[in-house]
C-alpha atoms as a PDB file:
ATOM      1  CA  MET A   1      -0.018  -0.008   0.117  1.00  0.00           C
ATOM      2  CA  GLN A   2       1.563   3.608  -0.888  1.00  0.00           C
ATOM      3  CA  THR A   3       2.050   5.879   1.694  1.00  0.00           C
ATOM      4  CA  TYR A   4       1.080   9.183   1.050  1.00  0.00           C
ATOM      5  CA  LEU A   5       2.602  12.641   2.537  1.00  0.00           C
ATOM      6  CA  ASP A   6       1.320  15.395   3.472  1.00  0.00           C
ATOM      7  CA  PHE A   7       0.966  17.851   0.502  1.00  0.00           C
ATOM      8  CA  GLU A   8      -0.272  14.733  -1.190  1.00  0.00           C
ATOM      9  CA  LYS A   9      -3.548  14.203   0.371  1.00  0.00           C
ATOM     10  CA  GLY A  10      -5.551  15.393  -2.679  1.00  0.00           C
ATOM     11  CA  LEU A  11      -4.109  13.022  -4.418  1.00  0.00           C
ATOM     12  CA  ALA A  12      -4.736   9.733  -1.793  1.00  0.00           C
ATOM     13  CA  GLU A  13      -8.447  10.901  -2.293  1.00  0.00           C
ATOM     14  CA  ILE A  14      -8.543   9.948  -5.813  1.00  0.00           C
ATOM     15  CA  GLU A  15      -6.304   7.320  -5.407  1.00  0.00           C
ATOM     16  CA  GLY A  16      -8.387   5.679  -2.760  1.00  0.00           C
ATOM     17  CA  LYS A  17     -11.680   6.474  -4.897  1.00  0.00           C
ATOM     18  CA  ALA A  18     -10.719   5.089  -8.128  1.00  0.00           C
ATOM     19  CA  GLU A  19      -8.891   1.948  -6.051  1.00  0.00           C
ATOM     20  CA  GLU A  20     -12.398   1.430  -3.931  1.00  0.00           C
ATOM     21  CA  LEU A  21     -13.940   1.243  -7.340  1.00  0.00           C
ATOM     22  CA  ARG A  22     -11.684  -1.140  -8.622  1.00  0.00           C
ATOM     23  CA  THR A  23     -12.578  -3.485  -5.392  1.00  0.00           C
ATOM     24  CA  LEU A  24     -16.494  -3.431  -6.176  1.00  0.00           C
ATOM     25  CA  ALA A  25     -16.515  -4.470  -9.574  1.00  0.00           C
ATOM     26  CA  ARG A  26     -13.903  -7.479  -8.957  1.00  0.00           C
ATOM     27  CA  LYS A  27     -17.063  -8.450  -5.772  1.00  0.00           C
ATOM     28  CA  ASN A  28     -19.539  -7.943  -8.423  1.00  0.00           C
ATOM     29  CA  SER A  29     -18.561  -8.902 -11.851  1.00  0.00           C
ATOM     30  CA  GLU A  30     -21.795  -7.055 -13.364  1.00  0.00           C
ATOM     31  CA  MET A  31     -20.506  -3.873 -12.427  1.00  0.00           C
ATOM     32  CA  ASN A  32     -18.825  -1.640 -15.137  1.00  0.00           C
ATOM     33  CA  VAL A  33     -16.477   1.098 -13.681  1.00  0.00           C
ATOM     34  CA  ASP A  34     -13.284   0.906 -16.117  1.00  0.00           C
ATOM     35  CA  GLU A  35     -14.321   4.455 -17.633  1.00  0.00           C
ATOM     36  CA  GLU A  36     -14.654   5.575 -14.550  1.00  0.00           C
ATOM     37  CA  ALA A  37     -11.719   4.555 -12.562  1.00  0.00           C
ATOM     38  CA  ALA A  38      -9.585   5.670 -15.752  1.00  0.00           C
ATOM     39  CA  ALA A  39     -10.548   9.243 -15.875  1.00  0.00           C
ATOM     40  CA  LEU A  40      -9.402   9.007 -12.173  1.00  0.00           C
ATOM     41  CA  ASP A  41      -6.795   7.241 -13.195  1.00  0.00           C
ATOM     42  CA  ARG A  42      -5.617  10.316 -15.129  1.00  0.00           C
ATOM     43  CA  LYS A  43      -6.755  13.278 -12.960  1.00  0.00           C
ATOM     44  CA  ALA A  44      -4.420  11.545 -10.595  1.00  0.00           C
ATOM     45  CA  ALA A  45      -1.742  11.333 -12.919  1.00  0.00           C
ATOM     46  CA  ALA A  46      -1.802  15.240 -13.897  1.00  0.00           C
ATOM     47  CA  LEU A  47      -1.963  16.300  -9.859  1.00  0.00           C
ATOM     48  CA  LEU A  48       0.567  14.688  -9.381  1.00  0.00           C
ATOM     49  CA  GLU A  49       3.085  15.393 -12.501  1.00  0.00           C
ATOM     50  CA  ASP A  50       2.056  19.113 -10.757  1.00  0.00           C
ATOM     51  CA  LEU A  51       2.364  19.073  -7.553  1.00  0.00           C
ATOM     52  CA  TYR A  52       6.324  16.928  -7.925  1.00  0.00           C
ATOM     53  CA  ARG A  53       6.863  20.173 -10.653  1.00  0.00           C
ATOM     54  CA  SER A  54       7.477  22.772  -8.167  1.00  0.00           C
ATOM     55  CA  LEU A  55       7.891  20.980  -4.441  1.00  0.00           C
ATOM     56  CA  ASP A  56       9.391  23.478  -2.633  1.00  0.00           C
ATOM     57  CA  PRO A  57      12.988  22.972   0.375  1.00  0.00           C
ATOM     58  CA  TRP A  58      10.497  21.717   2.930  1.00  0.00           C
ATOM     59  CA  ARG A  59       8.667  19.453   0.280  1.00  0.00           C
ATOM     60  CA  LYS A  60      11.816  17.992  -1.304  1.00  0.00           C
ATOM     61  CA  THR A  61      13.019  17.239   2.565  1.00  0.00           C
ATOM     62  CA  LEU A  62      10.025  14.843   2.950  1.00  0.00           C
ATOM     63  CA  VAL A  63      10.099  13.327  -0.285  1.00  0.00           C
ATOM     64  CA  ALA A  64      14.081  12.766   0.601  1.00  0.00           C
ATOM     65  CA  ARG A  65      12.972  11.032   4.128  1.00  0.00           C
ATOM     66  CA  HIS A  66      10.090   8.828   2.362  1.00  0.00           C
ATOM     67  CA  SER A  67      10.167   5.419   4.154  1.00  0.00           C
ATOM     68  CA  GLU A  68       9.228   4.200   0.690  1.00  0.00           C
ATOM     69  CA  ARG A  69      12.385   5.781  -0.877  1.00  0.00           C
ATOM     70  CA  PRO A  70      15.116   2.248  -2.057  1.00  0.00           C
ATOM     71  CA  HIS A  71      17.765   2.601   0.400  1.00  0.00           C
ATOM     72  CA  CYS A  72      21.248   1.455   0.093  1.00  0.00           C
ATOM     73  CA  GLN A  73      20.436  -2.203   0.282  1.00  0.00           C
ATOM     74  CA  ASP A  74      17.283  -2.253  -2.670  1.00  0.00           C
ATOM     75  CA  TYR A  75      20.847  -0.567  -4.156  1.00  0.00           C
ATOM     76  CA  VAL A  76      23.731  -3.804  -3.416  1.00  0.00           C
ATOM     77  CA  GLU A  77      21.262  -6.075  -4.586  1.00  0.00           C
ATOM     78  CA  ALA A  78      19.919  -4.756  -8.219  1.00  0.00           C
ATOM     79  CA  LEU A  79      22.967  -3.166  -9.573  1.00  0.00           C
ATOM     80  CA  PHE A  80      25.994  -5.288  -7.710  1.00  0.00           C
ATOM     81  CA  SER A  81      27.126  -8.482  -8.468  1.00  0.00           C
ATOM     82  CA  GLU A  82      29.331 -10.992  -5.970  1.00  0.00           C
ATOM     83  CA  TRP A  83      28.251  -8.721  -2.559  1.00  0.00           C
ATOM     84  CA  THR A  84      30.894  -9.567   0.288  1.00  0.00           C
ATOM     85  CA  PRO A  85      30.249  -7.692   3.010  1.00  0.00           C
ATOM     86  CA  LEU A  86      32.621  -7.051   5.402  1.00  0.00           C
ATOM     87  CA  ALA A  87      32.431  -6.175   8.597  1.00  0.00           C
ATOM     88  CA  GLY A  88      33.887  -4.377  11.745  1.00  0.00           C
ATOM     89  CA  ASP A  89      35.990  -1.791  12.228  1.00  0.00           C
ATOM     90  CA  ARG A  90      38.095  -3.698  14.250  1.00  0.00           C
ATOM     91  CA  ASN A  91      38.883  -1.595  17.243  1.00  0.00           C
ATOM     92  CA  PHE A  92      34.826  -2.556  18.887  1.00  0.00           C
ATOM     93  CA  ALA A  93      32.416  -3.645  16.700  1.00  0.00           C
ATOM     94  CA  ASP A  94      30.290  -3.791  13.500  1.00  0.00           C
ATOM     95  CA  ASP A  95      27.970  -1.028  13.342  1.00  0.00           C
ATOM     96  CA  HIS A  96      24.912  -1.196  11.341  1.00  0.00           C
ATOM     97  CA  ALA A  97      23.788   1.750  10.215  1.00  0.00           C
ATOM     98  CA  VAL A  98      26.938   1.634   7.380  1.00  0.00           C
ATOM     99  CA  MET A  99      26.667  -1.406   4.627  1.00  0.00           C
ATOM    100  CA  GLY A 100      30.229  -1.480   3.323  1.00  0.00           C
ATOM    101  CA  GLY A 101      31.921  -4.549   0.850  1.00  0.00           C
ATOM    102  CA  LEU A 102      33.794  -6.120  -2.044  1.00  0.00           C
ATOM    103  CA  ALA A 103      31.178  -6.422  -5.127  1.00  0.00           C
ATOM    104  CA  ARG A 104      31.817  -6.477  -9.009  1.00  0.00           C
ATOM    105  CA  PHE A 105      29.208  -2.795 -10.858  1.00  0.00           C
ATOM    106  CA  GLU A 106      28.921  -4.592 -14.407  1.00  0.00           C
ATOM    107  CA  GLY A 107      31.802  -6.856 -13.943  1.00  0.00           C
ATOM    108  CA  ARG A 108      34.169  -4.724 -12.854  1.00  0.00           C
ATOM    109  CA  ALA A 109      35.513  -4.982  -8.943  1.00  0.00           C
ATOM    110  CA  VAL A 110      34.888  -1.463  -6.946  1.00  0.00           C
ATOM    111  CA  VAL A 111      34.295  -1.753  -3.397  1.00  0.00           C
ATOM    112  CA  VAL A 112      30.816  -0.152  -1.849  1.00  0.00           C
ATOM    113  CA  ILE A 113      30.015   1.920   1.035  1.00  0.00           C
ATOM    114  CA  GLY A 114      27.147   3.113   2.291  1.00  0.00           C
ATOM    115  CA  HIS A 115      24.482   4.583   4.705  1.00  0.00           C
ATOM    116  CA  GLU A 116      21.490   1.824   5.250  1.00  0.00           C
ATOM    117  CA  LYS A 117      18.529   2.808   7.227  1.00  0.00           C
ATOM    118  CA  GLY A 118      16.006  -0.029   7.568  1.00  0.00           C
ATOM    119  CA  ASN A 119      12.987  -0.979   5.797  1.00  0.00           C
ATOM    120  CA  ASP A 120      10.545  -1.997   9.294  1.00  0.00           C
ATOM    121  CA  THR A 121      10.726  -1.063  12.935  1.00  0.00           C
ATOM    122  CA  ARG A 122      12.864  -3.894  13.371  1.00  0.00           C
ATOM    123  CA  SER A 123      15.527  -3.175  10.992  1.00  0.00           C
ATOM    124  CA  ARG A 124      15.242   0.342  11.818  1.00  0.00           C
ATOM    125  CA  ILE A 125      16.224   0.065  15.308  1.00  0.00           C
ATOM    126  CA  ALA A 126      18.569  -2.443  14.234  1.00  0.00           C
ATOM    127  CA  ARG A 127      20.776   0.339  11.876  1.00  0.00           C
ATOM    128  CA  ASN A 128      20.111   3.012  13.846  1.00  0.00           C
ATOM    129  CA  PHE A 129      17.912   4.851  11.460  1.00  0.00           C
ATOM    130  CA  GLY A 130      21.493   5.283   9.630  1.00  0.00           C
ATOM    131  CA  MET A 131      22.775   7.452  12.302  1.00  0.00           C
ATOM    132  CA  ALA A 132      26.485   5.653  12.152  1.00  0.00           C
ATOM    133  CA  ARG A 133      28.462   5.562  14.942  1.00  0.00           C
ATOM    134  CA  PRO A 134      32.067   5.836  15.367  1.00  0.00           C
ATOM    135  CA  GLU A 135      32.632   2.354  14.141  1.00  0.00           C
ATOM    136  CA  GLY A 136      31.246   2.912  11.151  1.00  0.00           C
ATOM    137  CA  TYR A 137      33.293   5.268  10.114  1.00  0.00           C
ATOM    138  CA  ARG A 138      36.144   3.499  10.744  1.00  0.00           C
ATOM    139  CA  LYS A 139      35.027   0.030   8.920  1.00  0.00           C
ATOM    140  CA  ALA A 140      34.042   3.041   6.292  1.00  0.00           C
ATOM    141  CA  ILE A 141      38.080   3.991   6.120  1.00  0.00           C
ATOM    142  CA  ARG A 142      39.378   0.603   6.425  1.00  0.00           C
ATOM    143  CA  LEU A 143      37.167  -0.305   3.369  1.00  0.00           C
ATOM    144  CA  MET A 144      38.934   2.793   1.441  1.00  0.00           C
ATOM    145  CA  ASP A 145      42.322   1.405   2.890  1.00  0.00           C
ATOM    146  CA  LEU A 146      41.484  -2.159   1.047  1.00  0.00           C
ATOM    147  CA  ALA A 147      40.393  -0.253  -1.776  1.00  0.00           C
ATOM    148  CA  ASP A 148      43.397   1.482  -2.496  1.00  0.00           C
ATOM    149  CA  ARG A 149      45.450  -0.978  -2.187  1.00  0.00           C
ATOM    150  CA  PHE A 150      44.633  -2.854  -4.636  1.00  0.00           C
ATOM    151  CA  GLY A 151      43.003  -0.934  -6.909  1.00  0.00           C
ATOM    152  CA  LEU A 152      39.374  -0.858  -6.457  1.00  0.00           C
ATOM    153  CA  PRO A 153      36.982   2.476  -7.687  1.00  0.00           C
ATOM    154  CA  VAL A 154      34.780   2.835  -4.295  1.00  0.00           C
ATOM    155  CA  ILE A 155      31.356   3.811  -4.914  1.00  0.00           C
ATOM    156  CA  THR A 156      29.469   5.411  -1.774  1.00  0.00           C
ATOM    157  CA  LEU A 157      25.771   5.354  -0.957  1.00  0.00           C
ATOM    158  CA  VAL A 158      24.650   8.295   1.040  1.00  0.00           C
ATOM    159  CA  ASP A 159      21.131   8.663   3.060  1.00  0.00           C
ATOM    160  CA  THR A 160      22.252   9.677   6.527  1.00  0.00           C
ATOM    161  CA  PRO A 161      19.786  12.194   8.937  1.00  0.00           C
ATOM    162  CA  GLY A 162      23.922  12.579  10.518  1.00  0.00           C
ATOM    163  CA  ALA A 163      26.509  10.833  12.693  1.00  0.00           C
ATOM    164  CA  TYR A 164      24.698   9.716  15.490  1.00  0.00           C
ATOM    165  CA  PRO A 165      24.902  12.188  18.809  1.00  0.00           C
ATOM    166  CA  GLY A 166      24.815  10.022  21.344  1.00  0.00           C
ATOM    167  CA  LYS A 167      26.948   9.582  24.609  1.00  0.00           C
ATOM    168  CA  GLY A 168      28.657   6.416  23.841  1.00  0.00           C
ATOM    169  CA  ALA A 169      29.031   7.893  19.993  1.00  0.00           C
ATOM    170  CA  GLU A 170      30.898  10.948  21.430  1.00  0.00           C
ATOM    171  CA  GLU A 171      32.935   9.012  24.017  1.00  0.00           C
ATOM    172  CA  ARG A 172      34.503   6.213  21.363  1.00  0.00           C
ATOM    173  CA  GLY A 173      35.466   9.378  19.166  1.00  0.00           C
ATOM    174  CA  GLN A 174      33.109  10.513  16.502  1.00  0.00           C
ATOM    175  CA  ALA A 175      34.045  13.787  15.223  1.00  0.00           C
ATOM    176  CA  GLU A 176      37.857  12.698  15.338  1.00  0.00           C
ATOM    177  CA  ALA A 177      36.431   9.045  13.209  1.00  0.00           C
ATOM    178  CA  ILE A 178      34.403  11.754  11.005  1.00  0.00           C
ATOM    179  CA  ALA A 179      37.006  13.758  10.258  1.00  0.00           C
ATOM    180  CA  ARG A 180      39.469  10.621   9.617  1.00  0.00           C
ATOM    181  CA  SER A 181      36.992   9.883   7.441  1.00  0.00           C
ATOM    182  CA  THR A 182      36.660  12.518   5.394  1.00  0.00           C
ATOM    183  CA  GLU A 183      40.445  12.395   5.385  1.00  0.00           C
ATOM    184  CA  LYS A 184      40.827   8.829   4.178  1.00  0.00           C
ATOM    185  CA  CYS A 185      39.381  10.324   1.012  1.00  0.00           C
ATOM    186  CA  LEU A 186      41.119  12.887  -0.097  1.00  0.00           C
ATOM    187  CA  GLN A 187      44.136  10.767   0.885  1.00  0.00           C
ATOM    188  CA  ILE A 188      43.350   7.255  -1.385  1.00  0.00           C
ATOM    189  CA  GLY A 189      44.210   6.845  -5.412  1.00  0.00           C
ATOM    190  CA  VAL A 190      41.354   5.104  -6.453  1.00  0.00           C
ATOM    191  CA  PRO A 191      38.389   6.858  -8.350  1.00  0.00           C
ATOM    192  CA  LEU A 192      35.922   7.428  -5.672  1.00  0.00           C
ATOM    193  CA  VAL A 193      31.981   8.395  -6.639  1.00  0.00           C
ATOM    194  CA  SER A 194      29.432   9.415  -4.531  1.00  0.00           C
ATOM    195  CA  VAL A 195      25.373   9.200  -4.903  1.00  0.00           C
ATOM    196  CA  ILE A 196      23.104  10.799  -2.158  1.00  0.00           C
ATOM    197  CA  ILE A 197      20.249   8.189  -2.529  1.00  0.00           C
ATOM    198  CA  GLY A 198      18.090  10.243   0.160  1.00  0.00           C
ATOM    199  CA  GLU A 199      19.153  12.313   3.462  1.00  0.00           C
ATOM    200  CA  GLY A 200      22.842  13.649   3.100  1.00  0.00           C
ATOM    201  CA  GLY A 201      22.881  14.440   6.549  1.00  0.00           C
ATOM    202  CA  SER A 202      25.909  17.171   8.080  1.00  0.00           C
ATOM    203  CA  GLY A 203      29.104  14.885   8.680  1.00  0.00           C
ATOM    204  CA  GLY A 204      28.398  12.062   8.739  1.00  0.00           C
ATOM    205  CA  ALA A 205      27.108  12.316   4.801  1.00  0.00           C
ATOM    206  CA  VAL A 206      30.575  14.891   4.026  1.00  0.00           C
ATOM    207  CA  ALA A 207      33.146  12.050   5.713  1.00  0.00           C
ATOM    208  CA  PHE A 208      31.538   9.427   2.646  1.00  0.00           C
ATOM    209  CA  ALA A 209      31.118  11.655   0.268  1.00  0.00           C
ATOM    210  CA  THR A 210      34.862  13.288  -0.141  1.00  0.00           C
ATOM    211  CA  ALA A 211      34.395  12.126  -3.596  1.00  0.00           C
ATOM    212  CA  ASP A 212      35.474  12.989  -6.737  1.00  0.00           C
ATOM    213  CA  ARG A 213      32.460  12.549  -8.339  1.00  0.00           C
ATOM    214  CA  ILE A 214      29.018  13.750  -6.339  1.00  0.00           C
ATOM    215  CA  ALA A 215      25.013  13.446  -7.237  1.00  0.00           C
ATOM    216  CA  MET A 216      21.831  13.404  -5.983  1.00  0.00           C
ATOM    217  CA  LEU A 217      18.752  11.973  -6.728  1.00  0.00           C
ATOM    218  CA  GLU A 218      15.983  14.488  -7.760  1.00  0.00           C
ATOM    219  CA  HIS A 219      14.703  15.267  -4.394  1.00  0.00           C
ATOM    220  CA  SER A 220      17.437  14.236  -2.328  1.00  0.00           C
ATOM    221  CA  ILE A 221      19.444  16.917  -0.001  1.00  0.00           C
ATOM    222  CA  TYR A 222      22.608  16.872   1.055  1.00  0.00           C
ATOM    223  CA  SER A 223      22.734  19.474   4.028  1.00  0.00           C
ATOM    224  CA  VAL A 224      25.095  20.627   6.821  1.00  0.00           C
ATOM    225  CA  ILE A 225      22.220  21.029   9.300  1.00  0.00           C
ATOM    226  CA  SER A 226      18.727  19.240   9.395  1.00  0.00           C
ATOM    227  CA  PRO A 227      15.815  22.425   9.323  1.00  0.00           C
ATOM    228  CA  GLU A 228      14.480  21.551  12.931  1.00  0.00           C
ATOM    229  CA  GLY A 229      18.311  21.638  13.900  1.00  0.00           C
ATOM    230  CA  CYS A 230      18.370  25.383  12.397  1.00  0.00           C
ATOM    231  CA  ALA A 231      15.261  25.808  13.249  1.00  0.00           C
ATOM    232  CA  SER A 232      15.632  25.142  16.160  1.00  0.00           C
ATOM    233  CA  ILE A 233      18.961  26.822  16.557  1.00  0.00           C
ATOM    234  CA  LEU A 234      18.487  30.448  14.994  1.00  0.00           C
ATOM    235  CA  TRP A 235      14.968  31.081  15.602  1.00  0.00           C
ATOM    236  CA  LYS A 236      15.037  29.276  18.933  1.00  0.00           C
ATOM    237  CA  ASP A 237      11.740  27.269  16.905  1.00  0.00           C
ATOM    238  CA  ALA A 238      11.747  24.003  15.212  1.00  0.00           C
ATOM    239  CA  GLU A 239       8.323  24.683  13.731  1.00  0.00           C
ATOM    240  CA  LYS A 240      10.265  27.270  11.364  1.00  0.00           C
ATOM    241  CA  MET A 241      11.321  24.211   9.234  1.00  0.00           C
ATOM    242  CA  LYS A 242      10.297  25.612   6.312  1.00  0.00           C
ATOM    243  CA  GLU A 243      12.538  29.098   6.227  1.00  0.00           C
ATOM    244  CA  ALA A 244      15.144  27.326   7.402  1.00  0.00           C
ATOM    245  CA  ALA A 245      14.979  24.300   4.375  1.00  0.00           C
ATOM    246  CA  GLU A 246      14.376  27.003   2.149  1.00  0.00           C
ATOM    247  CA  ALA A 247      17.636  28.623   3.944  1.00  0.00           C
ATOM    248  CA  LEU A 248      19.834  26.284   3.897  1.00  0.00           C
ATOM    249  CA  ARG A 249      20.100  25.732   0.018  1.00  0.00           C
ATOM    250  CA  LEU A 250      19.319  22.041   1.042  1.00  0.00           C
ATOM    251  CA  THR A 251      18.004  20.850  -2.794  1.00  0.00           C
ATOM    252  CA  ALA A 252      20.484  19.232  -5.947  1.00  0.00           C
ATOM    253  CA  GLN A 253      18.958  22.438  -7.912  1.00  0.00           C
ATOM    254  CA  ASP A 254      20.616  24.209  -5.476  1.00  0.00           C
ATOM    255  CA  LEU A 255      24.297  22.709  -4.940  1.00  0.00           C
ATOM    256  CA  LEU A 256      24.385  22.088  -8.032  1.00  0.00           C
ATOM    257  CA  ALA A 257      24.120  25.583  -9.314  1.00  0.00           C
ATOM    258  CA  LEU A 258      26.549  26.335  -6.206  1.00  0.00           C
ATOM    259  CA  GLY A 259      28.918  23.578  -7.507  1.00  0.00           C
ATOM    260  CA  VAL A 260      29.314  21.490  -4.531  1.00  0.00           C
ATOM    261  CA  ILE A 261      27.313  18.576  -7.108  1.00  0.00           C
ATOM    262  CA  ASP A 262      28.386  17.544 -10.040  1.00  0.00           C
ATOM    263  CA  ARG A 263      24.933  15.992 -11.093  1.00  0.00           C
ATOM    264  CA  ILE A 264      21.371  15.870 -10.532  1.00  0.00           C
ATOM    265  CA  VAL A 265      19.865  11.983 -11.131  1.00  0.00           C
ATOM    266  CA  PRO A 266      16.059  12.108 -12.084  1.00  0.00           C
ATOM    267  CA  GLU A 267      13.806  10.572 -10.363  1.00  0.00           C
ATOM    268  CA  PRO A 268      10.578   8.752 -11.512  1.00  0.00           C
ATOM    269  CA  ARG A 269       7.473  10.625 -12.042  1.00  0.00           C
ATOM    270  CA  GLY A 270       6.165  11.239  -8.014  1.00  0.00           C
ATOM    271  CA  GLY A 271      10.115  10.331  -6.318  1.00  0.00           C
ATOM    272  CA  ALA A 272      11.646   7.836  -6.479  1.00  0.00           C
ATOM    273  CA  GLN A 273       9.563   5.308  -4.280  1.00  0.00           C
ATOM    274  CA  ARG A 274       6.971   5.215  -6.952  1.00  0.00           C
ATOM    275  CA  ASP A 275       9.139   3.105  -9.157  1.00  0.00           C
ATOM    276  CA  LYS A 276      11.840   2.016  -6.664  1.00  0.00           C
ATOM    277  CA  PRO A 277      13.371  -0.004  -9.832  1.00  0.00           C
ATOM    278  CA  ALA A 278      14.018   2.946 -12.524  1.00  0.00           C
ATOM    279  CA  ALA A 279      15.408   5.236  -9.978  1.00  0.00           C
ATOM    280  CA  ILE A 280      17.729   2.934  -9.307  1.00  0.00           C
ATOM    281  CA  ALA A 281      18.162   1.755 -12.703  1.00  0.00           C
ATOM    282  CA  ARG A 282      19.018   4.893 -13.432  1.00  0.00           C
ATOM    283  CA  VAL A 283      20.959   5.786 -10.507  1.00  0.00           C
ATOM    284  CA  GLY A 284      23.001   2.629 -11.903  1.00  0.00           C
ATOM    285  CA  THR A 285      23.787   4.522 -15.221  1.00  0.00           C
ATOM    286  CA  ALA A 286      24.811   7.538 -13.700  1.00  0.00           C
ATOM    287  CA  LEU A 287      27.546   5.540 -11.948  1.00  0.00           C
ATOM    288  CA  ALA A 288      28.693   3.785 -14.775  1.00  0.00           C
ATOM    289  CA  GLU A 289      29.179   7.011 -16.585  1.00  0.00           C
ATOM    290  CA  LEU A 290      31.239   9.384 -14.146  1.00  0.00           C
ATOM    291  CA  LEU A 291      33.082   6.240 -13.289  1.00  0.00           C
ATOM    292  CA  ALA A 292      34.139   6.158 -16.971  1.00  0.00           C
ATOM    293  CA  GLU A 293      35.122   9.437 -16.604  1.00  0.00           C
ATOM    294  CA  LEU A 294      38.027   9.289 -14.142  1.00  0.00           C
ATOM    295  CA  ASP A 295      39.013   6.107 -16.204  1.00  0.00           C
ATOM    296  CA  GLY A 296      42.637   6.142 -16.417  1.00  0.00           C
ATOM    297  CA  LYS A 297      43.499   9.096 -14.337  1.00  0.00           C
ATOM    298  CA  LYS A 298      46.355   8.516 -12.199  1.00  0.00           C
ATOM    299  CA  PRO A 299      47.135   8.029  -8.659  1.00  0.00           C
ATOM    300  CA  ALA A 300      47.753  11.756  -7.931  1.00  0.00           C
ATOM    301  CA  ASP A 301      45.778  13.357  -9.989  1.00  0.00           C
ATOM    302  CA  LEU A 302      43.064  11.849  -8.864  1.00  0.00           C
ATOM    303  CA  ARG A 303      43.786  13.459  -5.405  1.00  0.00           C
ATOM    304  CA  LYS A 304      45.070  16.740  -6.342  1.00  0.00           C
ATOM    305  CA  ALA A 305      41.914  17.644  -8.782  1.00  0.00           C
ATOM    306  CA  ARG A 306      39.499  15.979  -6.115  1.00  0.00           C
ATOM    307  CA  ARG A 307      41.500  18.365  -2.454  1.00  0.00           C
ATOM    308  CA  ARG A 308      41.345  21.546  -5.599  1.00  0.00           C
ATOM    309  CA  LYS A 309      36.770  20.693  -6.078  1.00  0.00           C
ATOM    310  CA  PHE A 310      36.415  21.228  -2.646  1.00  0.00           C
ATOM    311  CA  LEU A 311      39.269  23.775  -1.932  1.00  0.00           C
ATOM    312  CA  ASP A 312      36.920  25.494  -5.414  1.00  0.00           C
ATOM    313  CA  MET A 313      33.663  25.046  -3.504  1.00  0.00           C
ATOM    314  CA  GLY A 314      31.618  27.856  -2.544  1.00  0.00           C
ATOM    315  CA  GLN A 315      33.133  30.653  -5.765  1.00  0.00           C
ATOM    316  CA  LYS A 316      30.011  30.101  -7.622  1.00  0.00           C
ATOM    317  CA  SER A 317      27.202  32.065  -7.492  1.00  0.00           C
ATOM    318  CA  LEU A 318      23.522  30.661  -7.408  1.00  0.00           C
ATOM    319  CA  VAL A 319      21.237  31.532 -10.067  1.00  0.00           C
ATOM    320  CA  ALA A 320      18.505  33.343  -9.088  1.00  0.00           C
END
């Protein structure tokens, strides 16, 4: 069953009525509702197109957080073969909020690292809602070292509200682990491509996305802080999250204009949650093209260009 966001209530009513008609027809074979149901379908399609044509930053935030969007596990299962997960940071524990391992992408050996939020209550709790602890970032560092040693490209899939802010995480060096992971992204001499597939929150996202090429799904977000957190700090009122979302310039469109990302991956009509296979396929196409751009580059050139990319950020003016 489709889960609807608050701004999709009108759409939910129309699609619900169409489904009710079809349910009645299934129970009574003499009923012919094809024409009425088709008319409702057309009305729903037009409304869906209209809603998603002009999403404001806050609505994009809601879409990016949609529980039915494809998650890291979905992309791994659909795009990669010979997936071999690797666990643990060789120091404290394994962090289930971070997936990582060896795989093949279009026949090519790669290392894949990503945040996994989970898809039901039990898995979300087990995955800590995609909020990594220090051991998650240290696992990522270990995997990037492995990739660098064997000359394997690194693909990261980012989807996190931010790093876990709990007491234990702070005691185990959360800030240091994030900084080391970001540093490792800059140090490796192999291609590093990152895709923001949902939320790209704070340093928890930057630690995986300090990459040669960064892509974002059309309705994903990427920001130094959540709109609610920003509103709480600036206005002492979390209810001003809509204003904060506008000010943060967190949409893919804003970030492409600013030069923070390199590509926007279009989503199916109504968002990735409405057609997961199509959304995943489009990410796969983008990954192949971005990796091709980096083929043949020497390690020293990759490091130099990657560092320059981040030093130059912020010099572009946002297009009005």
